[in-house]
Amino acid sequence: MQTVETLNEGLKRAFTLTITAKDIDAKVDVELKRLAPQMKMPGFRPGKVPANLIRKMHGPALTQDALNAAIQESVQTLVAEKQLRPAMQPSVELEDGYDLGKDAVVKVEMEVLPQVPAPAIDGLKLERLTVPVADDAVTEQLQKFADQQKKWDDAADDYVAKMGDLVTVDFVGKTADGVAFEGGTGTDMGVELGSGRLIPGFEDQLVGVKTGDDKVLNVTFPEEYQEKSLAGQPATFDITVKSVKTAGESKIDEDLAKSLGLESLEQLTGLLKGQIEQEHNGLTRTHMKRKLLDQLAEGHDFEVPPSMVEAEFNQIWSQLQHEATHEADPEAAMAEMEGERDDYRKIAERRVRLGLLLSEIGQANGVEVSNQEMQRLLAQAAQQYPAEQRQQFMQYVQQEPMAAAQLRAPLYEDKVVDFLFEKAEITDREATREELEAAIESEDGFASGTHTHDHDNHKPKKKAAAKKAKPASDEAASDDAVTDEAPASDATEEAKPAKKAPAKKKAAPVEAETAVTESSPVAAENAEGTEAADAPVKKPRAKKAPTKTEA
């Protein structure tokens, strides 16, 4: 193989590889010797078909396979000999006009990972905001459990409904001109008066009804209602009251604990306290991690591969587009996004740089994910698939380096962050949960995508997620038209995205801290010393993880 470097500019590299016809033909000979014992042909005993006859019949296919294999080996040899670390899979192109049996000229282009400067991890200082678990927070949770377990007692037929009661109704929704609209009809819908789950005015007008009453409710759909034909429009609902029930007393006692399958109220209290404590610890870690990454970003600035930034930006943009389709006004949301495109690209660049930096820190300090930890991750991920597809999923991850890297990346990042926490000087300060949440969501924090450089301080804030439909009761499957939220069909569509790669729930683009260790695992892998992936002439059809069966 002859190698000529044609480009060495910044992180871009390009080479021309010449693979001789002799080398390709030698591979064909090796393949012929391998196949000959297996060949069957009329007039010959099994395994006795002459090699020249096999070559005559299957020569073009064998030569094409040999060419692809030679190119893959040549690219791997190039990467090893030149000690290259591709940021993404190299682009490999066979020169136009190639004829089988001649020398092959191949163009290889790639971006390489930068030489990350020795990370400055000494002198890190962090504040740990701790939130003690208050007794009233535990009591509040206990009361919520008690309210969920409360029993409803049938009221007398002449009982007049008031706030806090449960009214079961049949309903037909109509537009202002008296035409019933789709999704506006339901039966046996339970409405807890005062819960605020339905569109404004609906629950209030049920106060005072009795069992057997018929009533017409006059309402106006909210301006932000997702079904545009109804948004901001007046409507009526013809109501038939099926029953009225009053709430029994909600008690926090031993019976409450036993109704939840526990032995005692003390056990329930302890579990709730532990759960709240775990939530607080998670918030504390999120805040510390963001402050840590801010310090790392301030102390390190180096060139990053444009292809990685583009890939990260495309992930961010794709998710934002998906979210925009669930906004009340998708067109306005998209227009707002377009105005912030440059800001999101800067976020992508920062995430790539931080990811490369964390990978370098991990490699330099012996941070790694063990085989045992990887097997545990694989087993946990496989549980998201139906039993009959789990083995297929595990084989997919084992055969696809990108899939394995994506699965391993979040744990690897967490282990690097934990290592840095151990190196940092940490001071503790007690805070309330509200103060901690405000600090996380602060415009000065990475939650809003804020860069640490002064000229990047004004970043797009995280957009509120579109509301999902919540039926007023388990029995009301078609009650979306009366809820103050999106129709159930839209929520269902959002709950069923196509899953082609190993499933991993990603944080919103402006909340996730890094790119390389999570969403661009190729770079993380190469930073840990993994060889570049094979680069065939023709892109092979990507293997897909088994599709999850949706409920």
Protein backbone atom coordinates (compact mmCIF):
# COMPACT_ATOMS: atom_id res chain seq x y z
CA MET A 1 0.00 0.00 0.00
CA GLN A 2 1.28 3.46 -0.91
CA THR A 3 0.19 6.37 1.28
CA VAL A 4 0.29 10.06 0.39
CA GLU A 5 -0.91 12.76 2.80
CA THR A 6 -2.84 15.38 0.85
CA LEU A 7 -4.15 17.58 3.69
CA ASN A 8 -2.94 18.45 7.17
CA GLU A 9 -4.76 21.57 8.26
CA GLY A 10 -5.90 22.07 11.84
CA LEU A 11 -7.79 18.93 12.77
CA LYS A 12 -8.47 17.93 9.16
CA ARG A 13 -6.50 15.14 7.52
CA ALA A 14 -6.72 13.63 4.05
CA PHE A 15 -4.77 10.81 2.42
CA THR A 16 -4.60 8.98 -0.88
CA LEU A 17 -4.07 5.23 -0.55
CA THR A 18 -3.01 3.10 -3.52
CA ILE A 19 -3.75 -0.59 -3.14
CA THR A 20 -2.06 -2.64 -5.84
CA ALA A 21 -3.89 -5.15 -7.99
CA LYS A 22 -1.34 -7.71 -6.79
CA ASP A 23 -2.41 -7.22 -3.15
CA ILE A 24 -6.07 -7.51 -4.08
CA ASP A 25 -5.44 -10.64 -6.16
CA ALA A 26 -3.54 -12.21 -3.26
CA LYS A 27 -6.63 -11.80 -1.10
CA VAL A 28 -8.74 -13.41 -3.80
CA ASP A 29 -6.38 -16.41 -3.78
CA VAL A 30 -6.73 -16.72 -0.01
CA GLU A 31 -10.50 -16.65 -0.32
CA LEU A 32 -10.43 -19.24 -3.12
CA LYS A 33 -8.44 -21.63 -0.94
CA ARG A 34 -10.94 -21.12 1.84
CA LEU A 35 -13.98 -21.72 -0.39
CA ALA A 36 -12.68 -24.55 -2.55
CA PRO A 37 -13.27 -27.38 -0.02
CA GLN A 38 -16.87 -26.22 0.38
CA MET A 39 -17.77 -25.83 -3.31
CA LYS A 40 -20.09 -28.24 -5.08
CA MET A 41 -20.50 -28.39 -8.85
CA PRO A 42 -22.00 -30.98 -11.24
CA GLY A 43 -19.30 -33.32 -12.57
CA PHE A 44 -16.96 -32.80 -9.64
CA ARG A 45 -16.71 -34.45 -6.30
CA PRO A 46 -17.43 -32.14 -3.30
CA GLY A 47 -14.34 -30.06 -2.55
CA LYS A 48 -12.61 -30.99 -5.83
CA VAL A 49 -13.78 -28.09 -8.02
CA PRO A 50 -10.67 -26.53 -9.68
CA ALA A 51 -9.71 -23.09 -8.36
CA ASN A 52 -9.54 -21.60 -11.84
CA LEU A 53 -13.16 -22.66 -12.49
CA ILE A 54 -14.31 -21.12 -9.22
CA ARG A 55 -12.45 -17.92 -10.15
CA LYS A 56 -14.11 -17.90 -13.58
CA MET A 57 -17.59 -18.27 -12.12
CA HIS A 58 -17.28 -16.10 -9.00
CA GLY A 59 -14.28 -13.92 -9.79
CA PRO A 60 -16.00 -10.49 -9.90
CA ALA A 61 -17.81 -11.04 -6.59
CA LEU A 62 -14.66 -12.40 -4.93
CA THR A 63 -12.61 -9.48 -6.24
CA GLN A 64 -15.15 -6.95 -4.96
CA ASP A 65 -15.14 -8.56 -1.51
CA ALA A 66 -11.35 -8.66 -1.54
CA LEU A 67 -11.23 -4.98 -2.51
CA ASN A 68 -13.51 -3.99 0.37
CA ALA A 69 -11.47 -6.05 2.82
CA ALA A 70 -8.24 -4.52 1.52
CA ILE A 71 -9.58 -1.00 1.91
CA GLN A 72 -10.72 -1.68 5.48
CA GLU A 73 -7.32 -3.10 6.40
CA SER A 74 -5.55 -0.18 4.69
CA VAL A 75 -7.56 2.41 6.62
CA GLN A 76 -6.89 0.60 9.90
CA THR A 77 -3.17 0.41 9.05
CA LEU A 78 -3.14 4.12 8.18
CA VAL A 79 -4.76 5.04 11.50
CA ALA A 80 -2.34 2.85 13.45
CA GLU A 81 0.85 3.88 11.66
CA LYS A 82 0.07 7.60 11.70
CA GLN A 83 -1.22 7.34 15.30
CA LEU A 84 -4.42 9.09 14.29
CA ARG A 85 -7.46 9.44 16.55
CA PRO A 86 -10.47 10.02 14.26
CA ALA A 87 -13.16 12.18 15.81
CA MET A 88 -15.83 10.56 13.65
CA GLN A 89 -15.79 7.64 11.21
CA PRO A 90 -13.43 8.47 8.33
CA SER A 91 -14.86 9.24 4.91
CA VAL A 92 -13.59 6.62 2.44
CA GLU A 93 -14.12 7.02 -1.30
CA LEU A 94 -12.89 4.83 -4.15
CA GLU A 95 -11.59 6.91 -7.07
CA ASP A 96 -13.95 7.10 -10.05
CA GLY A 97 -13.18 4.86 -13.01
CA TYR A 98 -11.84 1.93 -11.05
CA ASP A 99 -11.89 -1.39 -12.93
CA LEU A 100 -11.60 -4.78 -11.29
CA GLY A 101 -8.12 -6.18 -11.66
CA LYS A 102 -6.36 -2.80 -11.52
CA ASP A 103 -4.73 -0.79 -8.74
CA ALA A 104 -7.30 0.88 -6.47
CA VAL A 105 -6.86 4.52 -5.47
CA VAL A 106 -8.78 5.45 -2.32
CA LYS A 107 -9.32 8.89 -0.80
CA VAL A 108 -9.57 8.97 3.00
CA GLU A 109 -10.70 12.12 4.83
CA MET A 110 -11.22 12.60 8.55
CA GLU A 111 -11.09 14.98 11.46
CA VAL A 112 -8.86 13.97 14.33
CA LEU A 113 -9.28 14.58 18.01
CA PRO A 114 -7.28 17.56 19.27
CA GLN A 115 -4.36 17.26 21.62
CA VAL A 116 -6.18 18.22 24.79
CA PRO A 117 -3.88 20.24 27.07
CA ALA A 118 -3.10 18.69 30.42
CA PRO A 119 -6.29 19.34 32.39
CA ALA A 120 -5.94 21.74 35.31
CA ILE A 121 -7.79 19.90 38.04
CA ASP A 122 -5.89 21.17 41.06
CA GLY A 123 -7.44 24.01 43.00
CA LEU A 124 -11.05 23.14 42.18
CA LYS A 125 -13.40 24.67 44.75
CA LEU A 126 -17.06 23.76 45.03
CA GLU A 127 -19.94 24.61 47.32
CA ARG A 128 -22.24 21.75 48.31
CA LEU A 129 -25.76 22.93 49.08
CA THR A 130 -27.36 20.47 51.47
CA VAL A 131 -31.07 20.30 52.23
CA PRO A 132 -32.14 18.60 55.47
CA VAL A 133 -35.38 16.63 55.34
CA ALA A 134 -37.95 18.62 57.26
CA ASP A 135 -40.67 16.83 59.23
CA ASP A 136 -43.38 18.85 57.51
CA ALA A 137 -42.14 17.65 54.09
CA VAL A 138 -42.58 14.06 55.24
CA THR A 139 -45.99 14.85 56.68
CA GLU A 140 -47.01 16.50 53.40
CA GLN A 141 -46.08 13.34 51.50
CA LEU A 142 -47.96 11.19 54.01
CA GLN A 143 -51.03 13.37 53.55
CA LYS A 144 -50.81 12.95 49.77
CA PHE A 145 -50.74 9.19 50.20
CA ALA A 146 -53.70 9.41 52.56
CA ASP A 147 -55.65 11.57 50.09
CA GLN A 148 -54.95 9.08 47.30
CA GLN A 149 -56.28 6.27 49.46
CA LYS A 150 -59.38 8.10 50.61
CA LYS A 151 -62.72 6.41 50.08
CA TRP A 152 -65.76 7.95 48.44
CA ASP A 153 -69.17 7.54 50.05
CA ASP A 154 -72.41 7.72 48.06
CA ALA A 155 -74.40 10.85 48.88
CA ALA A 156 -78.19 11.01 49.16
CA ASP A 157 -80.09 11.75 45.95
CA ASP A 158 -81.01 15.21 47.17
CA TYR A 159 -77.45 16.02 48.30
CA VAL A 160 -76.07 19.19 46.68
CA ALA A 161 -72.49 18.84 45.42
CA LYS A 162 -69.82 21.14 46.82
CA MET A 163 -66.07 21.61 46.37
CA GLY A 164 -64.16 18.47 47.30
CA ASP A 165 -66.92 16.09 46.21
CA LEU A 166 -66.66 13.57 43.37
CA VAL A 167 -69.29 14.04 40.66
CA THR A 168 -69.68 11.39 37.95
CA VAL A 169 -71.12 12.68 34.68
CA ASP A 170 -71.89 11.86 31.07
CA PHE A 171 -71.13 14.78 28.75
CA VAL A 172 -71.38 15.99 25.15
CA GLY A 173 -69.27 18.96 24.09
CA LYS A 174 -70.53 21.31 21.38
CA THR A 175 -69.18 24.34 19.57
CA ALA A 176 -70.93 27.71 19.75
CA ASP A 177 -73.09 26.76 16.77
CA GLY A 178 -74.29 23.59 18.51
CA VAL A 179 -72.19 21.01 16.63
CA ALA A 180 -70.64 18.22 18.71
CA PHE A 181 -66.85 18.20 18.31
CA GLU A 182 -64.50 15.23 18.14
CA GLY A 183 -63.21 14.04 21.51
CA GLY A 184 -65.88 16.00 23.37
CA THR A 185 -68.14 13.10 24.33
CA GLY A 186 -67.68 10.82 27.34
CA THR A 187 -69.49 8.70 29.87
CA ASP A 188 -69.01 8.02 33.57
CA MET A 189 -66.28 10.61 33.97
CA GLY A 190 -65.39 11.28 37.58
CA VAL A 191 -64.75 14.94 38.37
CA GLU A 192 -63.25 15.88 41.74
CA LEU A 193 -64.52 19.41 42.26
CA GLY A 194 -61.72 21.83 43.06
CA SER A 195 -58.96 19.63 41.63
CA GLY A 196 -58.33 22.08 38.77
CA ARG A 197 -57.83 19.27 36.28
CA LEU A 198 -60.43 20.42 33.78
CA ILE A 199 -60.73 23.55 31.67
CA PRO A 200 -61.62 26.73 33.58
CA GLY A 201 -65.25 26.96 34.62
CA PHE A 202 -66.09 23.30 34.12
CA GLU A 203 -65.71 22.18 37.74
CA ASP A 204 -67.09 25.41 39.20
CA GLN A 205 -70.39 25.01 37.34
CA LEU A 206 -70.90 21.52 38.79
CA VAL A 207 -71.11 22.94 42.31
CA GLY A 208 -74.75 22.68 43.38
CA VAL A 209 -75.79 19.78 41.13
CA LYS A 210 -77.61 16.68 42.41
CA THR A 211 -77.79 13.08 41.17
CA GLY A 212 -79.99 12.94 38.05
CA ASP A 213 -79.58 16.61 37.13
CA ASP A 214 -79.13 17.71 33.53
CA LYS A 215 -77.21 20.91 33.00
CA VAL A 216 -75.51 22.90 30.24
CA LEU A 217 -72.06 24.24 31.09
CA ASN A 218 -70.73 27.28 29.27
CA VAL A 219 -66.94 27.39 28.98
CA THR A 220 -64.18 28.92 26.87
CA PHE A 221 -61.16 26.89 25.85
CA PRO A 222 -57.78 28.39 26.82
CA GLU A 223 -55.93 30.36 24.14
CA GLU A 224 -52.99 27.93 24.41
CA TYR A 225 -55.16 24.84 23.97
CA GLN A 226 -53.33 22.56 21.56
CA GLU A 227 -56.32 21.68 19.38
CA LYS A 228 -56.26 24.87 17.32
CA SER A 229 -59.87 24.60 16.20
CA LEU A 230 -60.95 24.87 19.86
CA ALA A 231 -58.29 27.22 21.26
CA GLY A 232 -59.87 30.39 22.62
CA GLN A 233 -63.33 29.33 21.43
CA PRO A 234 -66.56 29.25 23.48
CA ALA A 235 -68.25 25.87 23.89
CA THR A 236 -71.03 24.16 25.81
CA PHE A 237 -71.17 20.80 27.53
CA ASP A 238 -74.46 18.99 28.02
CA ILE A 239 -74.08 17.25 31.37
CA THR A 240 -76.01 14.40 32.98
CA VAL A 241 -75.09 13.81 36.62
CA LYS A 242 -74.85 10.07 37.31
CA SER A 243 -73.83 10.28 40.99
CA VAL A 244 -72.39 12.49 43.70
CA LYS A 245 -69.99 11.15 46.30
CA THR A 246 -68.43 12.70 49.37
CA ALA A 247 -64.86 12.10 50.52
CA GLY A 248 -64.24 10.01 53.57
CA GLU A 249 -61.76 11.20 56.17
CA SER A 250 -58.10 10.91 55.15
CA LYS A 251 -56.20 9.36 58.06
CA ILE A 252 -52.45 9.01 58.53
CA ASP A 253 -52.35 5.83 60.57
CA GLU A 254 -51.25 2.21 60.65
CA ASP A 255 -54.08 1.23 58.29
CA LEU A 256 -52.69 3.63 55.66
CA ALA A 257 -49.32 1.89 55.79
CA LYS A 258 -50.88 -1.57 55.62
CA SER A 259 -53.03 -0.55 52.64
CA LEU A 260 -49.76 0.15 50.83
CA GLY A 261 -48.35 -3.26 51.68
CA LEU A 262 -46.12 -2.11 54.53
CA GLU A 263 -45.93 -3.33 58.11
CA SER A 264 -46.23 -0.06 59.97
CA LEU A 265 -46.61 3.70 59.74
CA GLU A 266 -43.04 3.98 61.01
CA GLN A 267 -41.80 1.99 58.02
CA LEU A 268 -43.79 4.15 55.60
CA THR A 269 -42.45 7.32 57.23
CA GLY A 270 -38.90 6.04 56.97
CA LEU A 271 -39.29 5.14 53.30
CA LEU A 272 -40.73 8.55 52.47
CA LYS A 273 -37.96 10.33 54.36
CA GLY A 274 -35.36 8.28 52.50
CA GLN A 275 -37.00 9.07 49.19
CA ILE A 276 -37.01 12.80 49.89
CA GLU A 277 -33.39 12.63 51.05
CA GLN A 278 -32.45 10.86 47.81
CA GLU A 279 -34.18 13.58 45.77
CA HIS A 280 -32.28 16.26 47.68
CA ASN A 281 -28.98 14.45 47.13
CA GLY A 282 -29.71 14.26 43.41
CA LEU A 283 -30.37 18.00 43.26
CA THR A 284 -27.20 18.68 45.25
CA ARG A 285 -25.14 16.59 42.84
CA THR A 286 -26.68 18.27 39.79
CA HIS A 287 -25.79 21.71 41.16
CA MET A 288 -22.24 20.67 42.05
CA LYS A 289 -21.69 19.05 38.68
CA ARG A 290 -22.77 22.15 36.79
CA LYS A 291 -20.51 24.36 38.86
CA LEU A 292 -17.66 21.90 38.33
CA LEU A 293 -18.13 21.96 34.56
CA ASP A 294 -18.29 25.75 34.60
CA GLN A 295 -14.87 25.82 36.27
CA LEU A 296 -13.45 23.34 33.79
CA ALA A 297 -14.82 25.36 30.86
CA GLU A 298 -13.28 28.56 32.25
CA GLY A 299 -9.83 26.96 32.52
CA HIS A 300 -9.66 25.16 29.17
CA ASP A 301 -10.09 26.38 25.63
CA PHE A 302 -8.95 24.35 22.62
CA GLU A 303 -10.05 23.59 19.09
CA VAL A 304 -12.71 20.94 18.70
CA PRO A 305 -13.59 18.91 15.58
CA PRO A 306 -16.27 20.72 13.56
CA SER A 307 -17.85 17.41 12.56
CA MET A 308 -18.43 16.55 16.23
CA VAL A 309 -19.90 19.97 16.90
CA GLU A 310 -22.19 19.56 13.89
CA ALA A 311 -23.32 16.12 15.05
CA GLU A 312 -23.99 17.44 18.56
CA PHE A 313 -25.84 20.47 17.22
CA ASN A 314 -27.98 18.24 14.99
CA GLN A 315 -29.00 16.20 18.04
CA ILE A 316 -29.92 19.33 19.95
CA TRP A 317 -31.80 20.78 16.98
CA SER A 318 -33.68 17.57 16.30
CA GLN A 319 -34.91 17.41 19.88
CA LEU A 320 -35.92 21.06 19.86
CA GLN A 321 -37.88 20.52 16.65
CA HIS A 322 -39.64 17.57 18.26
CA GLU A 323 -40.54 19.70 21.28
CA ALA A 324 -41.71 22.55 19.05
CA THR A 325 -44.29 20.33 17.39
CA HIS A 326 -45.93 19.92 20.79
CA GLU A 327 -46.07 23.63 21.58
CA ALA A 328 -49.36 25.53 21.36
CA ASP A 329 -47.97 27.44 18.37
CA PRO A 330 -45.38 25.22 16.61
CA GLU A 331 -44.61 27.85 13.96
CA ALA A 332 -43.82 30.50 16.54
CA ALA A 333 -41.69 28.03 18.50
CA MET A 334 -39.73 27.17 15.35
CA ALA A 335 -39.24 30.85 14.55
CA GLU A 336 -37.90 31.46 18.05
CA MET A 337 -35.51 28.52 17.64
CA GLU A 338 -34.21 29.90 14.36
CA GLY A 339 -33.38 33.17 16.08
CA GLU A 340 -31.30 31.27 18.63
CA ARG A 341 -29.58 28.87 16.21
CA ASP A 342 -26.12 30.38 16.78
CA ASP A 343 -26.56 30.18 20.54
CA TYR A 344 -27.41 26.48 20.37
CA ARG A 345 -24.38 25.87 18.15
CA LYS A 346 -22.20 27.44 20.85
CA ILE A 347 -23.83 25.16 23.40
CA ALA A 348 -22.96 22.19 21.17
CA GLU A 349 -19.34 23.34 20.92
CA ARG A 350 -19.05 23.73 24.69
CA ARG A 351 -20.52 20.29 25.28
CA VAL A 352 -18.09 18.67 22.84
CA ARG A 353 -15.13 20.46 24.45
CA LEU A 354 -16.20 19.45 27.96
CA GLY A 355 -16.76 15.89 26.84
CA LEU A 356 -13.27 15.65 25.35
CA LEU A 357 -11.86 17.20 28.50
CA LEU A 358 -13.63 14.72 30.79
CA SER A 359 -12.45 11.83 28.62
CA GLU A 360 -8.88 13.09 28.86
CA ILE A 361 -9.13 13.46 32.63
CA GLY A 362 -10.55 9.96 32.94
CA GLN A 363 -7.86 8.40 30.77
CA ALA A 364 -5.04 10.26 32.53
CA ASN A 365 -6.25 9.14 35.95
CA GLY A 366 -7.17 5.54 35.24
CA VAL A 367 -10.94 5.99 35.37
CA GLU A 368 -12.65 3.12 33.58
CA VAL A 369 -15.87 1.16 33.39
CA SER A 370 -15.23 -2.45 34.38
CA ASN A 371 -16.54 -5.44 32.44
CA GLN A 372 -18.78 -6.25 35.39
CA GLU A 373 -20.27 -2.74 35.35
CA MET A 374 -20.74 -2.94 31.58
CA GLN A 375 -22.55 -6.24 31.85
CA ARG A 376 -24.84 -4.74 34.49
CA LEU A 377 -25.58 -1.77 32.20
CA LEU A 378 -26.31 -4.13 29.34
CA ALA A 379 -28.65 -6.25 31.44
CA GLN A 380 -30.51 -3.16 32.67
CA ALA A 381 -30.89 -1.78 29.14
CA ALA A 382 -32.10 -5.14 27.85
CA GLN A 383 -34.96 -5.07 30.36
CA GLN A 384 -36.53 -2.26 28.32
CA TYR A 385 -37.21 -4.74 25.53
CA PRO A 386 -39.69 -7.64 25.36
CA ALA A 387 -38.23 -10.91 26.68
CA GLU A 388 -38.01 -12.45 23.21
CA GLN A 389 -35.90 -9.51 21.92
CA ARG A 390 -33.44 -9.10 24.79
CA GLN A 391 -30.87 -11.52 23.43
CA GLN A 392 -31.02 -9.80 20.05
CA PHE A 393 -30.45 -6.43 21.73
CA MET A 394 -27.46 -7.72 23.70
CA GLN A 395 -25.89 -9.14 20.53
CA TYR A 396 -26.46 -5.83 18.77
CA VAL A 397 -24.61 -3.89 21.49
CA GLN A 398 -21.77 -6.42 21.57
CA GLN A 399 -21.30 -6.15 17.80
CA GLU A 400 -21.67 -2.38 17.48
CA PRO A 401 -18.88 -0.32 19.12
CA MET A 402 -20.99 2.85 18.85
CA ALA A 403 -23.89 1.24 20.68
CA ALA A 404 -21.64 -0.09 23.44
CA ALA A 405 -19.98 3.32 23.79
CA GLN A 406 -23.32 5.07 24.04
CA LEU A 407 -24.41 2.67 26.74
CA ARG A 408 -21.19 3.03 28.71
CA ALA A 409 -20.76 6.80 28.30
CA PRO A 410 -23.09 8.16 31.06
CA LEU A 411 -21.53 5.90 33.71
CA TYR A 412 -18.03 6.80 32.54
CA GLU A 413 -18.88 10.50 32.80
CA ASP A 414 -20.30 10.05 36.31
CA LYS A 415 -17.15 8.23 37.42
CA VAL A 416 -14.93 11.03 36.10
CA VAL A 417 -17.11 13.61 37.86
CA ASP A 418 -16.91 11.62 41.12
CA PHE A 419 -13.11 11.54 40.77
CA LEU A 420 -13.06 15.32 40.39
CA PHE A 421 -15.34 15.75 43.39
CA GLU A 422 -12.77 13.85 45.44
CA LYS A 423 -10.02 16.20 44.19
CA ALA A 424 -11.99 19.39 44.84
CA GLU A 425 -12.10 21.48 47.98
CA ILE A 426 -15.74 21.34 49.03
CA THR A 427 -17.52 23.57 51.52
CA ASP A 428 -21.00 22.74 52.79
CA ARG A 429 -23.85 25.18 53.16
CA GLU A 430 -27.36 24.36 54.31
CA ALA A 431 -30.15 25.57 52.05
CA THR A 432 -33.83 25.06 51.44
CA ARG A 433 -35.04 22.94 48.55
CA GLU A 434 -36.44 26.06 46.90
CA GLU A 435 -33.04 27.77 47.10
CA LEU A 436 -31.29 24.73 45.63
CA GLU A 437 -33.77 24.40 42.76
CA ALA A 438 -33.48 28.14 42.07
CA ALA A 439 -29.68 27.82 41.95
CA ILE A 440 -29.93 24.97 39.43
CA GLU A 441 -32.36 26.89 37.23
CA SER A 442 -30.45 30.16 37.56
CA GLU A 443 -29.55 31.95 34.35
CA ASP A 444 -25.95 31.88 35.54
CA GLY A 445 -25.97 28.09 35.61
CA PHE A 446 -25.67 25.61 32.77
CA ALA A 447 -29.36 24.76 33.10
CA SER A 448 -30.08 27.66 30.78
CA GLY A 449 -27.23 26.80 28.47
CA THR A 450 -25.07 29.66 29.75
CA HIS A 451 -21.50 29.66 28.59
CA THR A 452 -18.81 30.74 30.99
CA HIS A 453 -17.33 33.39 28.71
CA ASP A 454 -18.65 36.91 29.18
CA HIS A 455 -19.81 37.26 25.59
CA ASP A 456 -21.92 34.11 25.92
CA ASN A 457 -23.85 35.02 29.04
CA HIS A 458 -27.19 35.47 27.33
CA LYS A 459 -28.29 32.04 26.22
CA PRO A 460 -31.73 30.74 25.25
CA LYS A 461 -33.70 29.57 28.22
CA LYS A 462 -35.17 26.09 28.36
CA LYS A 463 -38.61 26.05 26.81
CA ALA A 464 -41.47 24.70 28.83
CA ALA A 465 -42.54 21.27 27.72
CA ALA A 466 -45.95 20.99 26.17
CA LYS A 467 -48.61 19.79 28.53
CA LYS A 468 -49.72 16.21 28.20
CA ALA A 469 -53.32 15.09 28.43
CA LYS A 470 -54.46 13.78 31.80
CA PRO A 471 -57.85 12.09 31.88
CA ALA A 472 -59.99 13.15 34.77
CA SER A 473 -60.32 9.57 35.90
CA ASP A 474 -59.23 6.07 34.98
CA GLU A 475 -62.62 5.41 33.44
CA ALA A 476 -62.58 8.48 31.19
CA ALA A 477 -60.51 7.39 28.20
CA SER A 478 -61.88 10.06 25.85
CA ASP A 479 -61.95 13.06 28.14
CA ASP A 480 -59.18 15.06 26.49
CA ALA A 481 -61.54 17.72 25.18
CA VAL A 482 -62.53 18.86 28.64
CA THR A 483 -59.07 18.87 30.17
CA ASP A 484 -57.10 22.07 30.25
CA GLU A 485 -54.35 20.35 28.31
CA ALA A 486 -53.25 18.74 25.04
CA PRO A 487 -55.44 16.08 23.42
CA ALA A 488 -54.61 12.53 24.40
CA SER A 489 -53.66 11.61 20.84
CA ASP A 490 -50.75 14.06 20.87
CA ALA A 491 -49.48 12.74 24.15
CA THR A 492 -49.64 9.22 22.79
CA GLU A 493 -47.60 10.15 19.74
CA GLU A 494 -44.93 11.73 21.90
CA ALA A 495 -44.78 8.64 24.05
CA LYS A 496 -43.96 6.44 21.05
CA PRO A 497 -40.85 7.72 19.28
CA ALA A 498 -39.09 5.44 16.83
CA LYS A 499 -36.25 3.60 18.52
CA LYS A 500 -33.52 2.40 16.18
CA ALA A 501 -30.46 2.71 18.41
CA PRO A 502 -29.92 1.50 21.97
CA ALA A 503 -32.54 3.37 23.92
CA LYS A 504 -31.27 5.96 26.32
CA LYS A 505 -33.35 8.79 27.60
CA LYS A 506 -31.59 12.04 26.92
CA ALA A 507 -31.87 15.19 28.90
CA ALA A 508 -33.14 18.33 27.21
CA PRO A 509 -30.37 19.83 25.09
CA VAL A 510 -29.77 22.82 27.30
CA GLU A 511 -29.73 20.75 30.45
CA ALA A 512 -27.23 18.08 29.45
CA GLU A 513 -23.72 19.07 30.44
CA THR A 514 -21.41 17.36 27.95
CA ALA A 515 -21.51 15.90 24.49
CA VAL A 516 -18.67 13.50 23.96
CA THR A 517 -19.16 11.24 26.91
CA GLU A 518 -22.85 10.87 26.26
CA SER A 519 -24.11 11.75 22.84
CA SER A 520 -20.90 11.44 20.81
CA PRO A 521 -19.45 8.19 22.13
CA VAL A 522 -17.01 7.70 19.24
CA ALA A 523 -14.78 10.42 20.57
CA ALA A 524 -15.00 9.12 24.10
CA GLU A 525 -14.00 5.70 22.86
CA ASN A 526 -11.03 7.01 20.90
CA ALA A 527 -9.96 9.08 23.87
CA GLU A 528 -9.78 5.83 25.80
CA GLY A 529 -7.53 4.29 23.15
CA THR A 530 -10.00 2.31 21.05
CA GLU A 531 -9.12 1.68 17.40
CA ALA A 532 -11.05 3.47 14.67
CA ALA A 533 -14.08 1.71 13.29
CA ASP A 534 -13.90 -0.15 9.98
CA ALA A 535 -14.39 2.07 6.94
CA PRO A 536 -15.62 0.04 3.95
CA VAL A 537 -15.86 1.55 0.48
CA LYS A 538 -19.60 1.33 0.46
CA LYS A 539 -21.37 2.16 3.66
CA PRO A 540 -22.83 -1.06 5.04
CA ARG A 541 -26.45 -0.99 6.04
CA ALA A 542 -26.45 -0.02 9.70
CA LYS A 543 -27.49 -2.73 12.07
CA LYS A 544 -30.50 -1.77 14.15
CA ALA A 545 -31.34 -2.58 17.68
CA PRO A 546 -34.55 -4.57 18.03
CA THR A 547 -37.57 -2.31 18.04
CA LYS A 548 -39.27 -2.08 21.40
CA THR A 549 -42.84 -3.27 21.57
CA GLU A 550 -45.03 -0.42 22.72
CA ALA A 551 -47.87 -0.93 25.13
